[in-house]
Amino acid sequence: MSTQQHKVVVIGGGAAGIATAASMLKRRPGLDIAIVEPSDTHAYQPG
């Protein structure tokens, strides 16, 4: 079993998860963020 550590973990790599990670990086460049997404693909569906 592999163990990895990050400062921030975002659960979900959809539009909201990626936007959240991008916003955090804009505020703190270089922040160590991991995005956890179980799906291989993402189909963007605007509201």
Protein backbone atom coordinates (compact mmCIF):
# COMPACT_ATOMS: atom_id res chain seq x y z
CA MET A 1 0.00 0.00 0.00
CA SER A 2 1.30 3.42 -1.01
CA THR A 3 1.08 6.34 1.41
CA GLN A 4 1.06 9.90 0.12
CA GLN A 5 0.62 13.13 2.01
CA HIS A 6 -0.68 16.45 0.73
CA LYS A 7 -1.66 19.73 2.38
CA VAL A 8 -5.12 19.71 0.71
CA VAL A 9 -7.15 16.86 -0.77
CA VAL A 10 -10.11 17.70 -3.01
CA ILE A 11 -12.61 14.86 -3.39
CA GLY A 12 -14.13 14.97 -6.86
CA GLY A 13 -12.50 16.08 -10.08
CA GLY A 14 -15.59 17.53 -11.72
CA ALA A 15 -16.11 21.18 -12.51
CA ALA A 16 -16.53 22.17 -8.84
CA GLY A 17 -13.50 20.22 -7.61
CA ILE A 18 -11.20 21.59 -10.30
CA ALA A 19 -12.51 25.13 -9.80
CA THR A 20 -11.92 24.85 -6.05
CA ALA A 21 -8.36 23.62 -6.55
CA ALA A 22 -7.67 26.37 -9.11
CA SER A 23 -9.03 29.03 -6.75
CA MET A 24 -6.83 27.77 -3.92
CA LEU A 25 -3.76 27.76 -6.16
CA LYS A 26 -4.49 31.30 -7.30
CA ARG A 27 -4.56 32.43 -3.67
CA ARG A 28 -1.56 30.33 -2.61
CA PRO A 29 0.69 29.47 -5.57
CA GLY A 30 2.61 26.24 -5.03
CA LEU A 31 0.08 24.83 -2.54
CA ASP A 32 0.29 21.02 -2.44
CA ILE A 33 -3.15 19.85 -3.66
CA ALA A 34 -4.30 16.36 -4.64
CA ILE A 35 -7.57 15.77 -6.52
CA VAL A 36 -9.17 12.36 -6.01
CA GLU A 37 -11.47 11.28 -8.85
CA PRO A 38 -12.43 7.64 -9.43
CA SER A 39 -13.79 8.15 -12.98
CA ASP A 40 -11.50 7.95 -16.01
CA THR A 41 -13.60 10.49 -17.92
CA HIS A 42 -15.70 13.54 -17.09
CA ALA A 43 -18.62 14.80 -19.16
CA TYR A 44 -19.16 18.50 -18.49
CA GLN A 45 -22.84 19.33 -18.29
CA PRO A 46 -23.52 23.00 -17.64
CA GLY A 47 -26.48 23.79 -15.37
